[in-house]
Amino acid sequence: MTEIAKLKKQLKELFASQKLAVLATHNEKQSYASLVAFASTADLKQLLFATTRATRKYANLAANPNVALLIDNRSNRETDFHKAVAATATGKTTEVGTRERTRLLKLYLGKHPHLREFVSSPNCALLKVKVDSYFVVNRFQNVMELRPR
């Protein structure tokens, strides 16, 4: 198996095991981080999350679509320094359009069925991040980059 294939497998396993990501957005004055329930497309090219349009994160995204999402498997134990895996995805966010909404919403709700009512609200936006790069850190200092495009 090639290094890229191993890295993709590691990302898919990490994403399958985790329900939440830390989303970093920013406006011209400050950065902002928030927890979001996420899902990934099988090809790793897009990450999905939902938020209401009245949130600070949505306002930040409207002003600047560039984001970073951190997904990790830490347990807050000393062993994390050698065993935890963290992936930072960077890319641009857009609201999912009507043409692809059914397909991507099915993927998102497949991972988060308990959020059906939330994402069905007219005030809720389903967002996608077109991932430019993943920076994957494991064994504390081993950093690898994957560009899924």
Foldseek 3Di string as FASTA:
>chain_A
DDPQVVVLVVVVVLQLVDQWKWKWFDAPPDIDIDIFGWFADSLRQKIKTKDFCPDPRNVRCVRPFWMKIKGKDDPPDPCQQAAIKIKIWIFGKDFDDPVCCVVVVCRSCVSVVVCVVVCPDPRMTMMMGRTQKMWMDHRNHDTDIDGSD
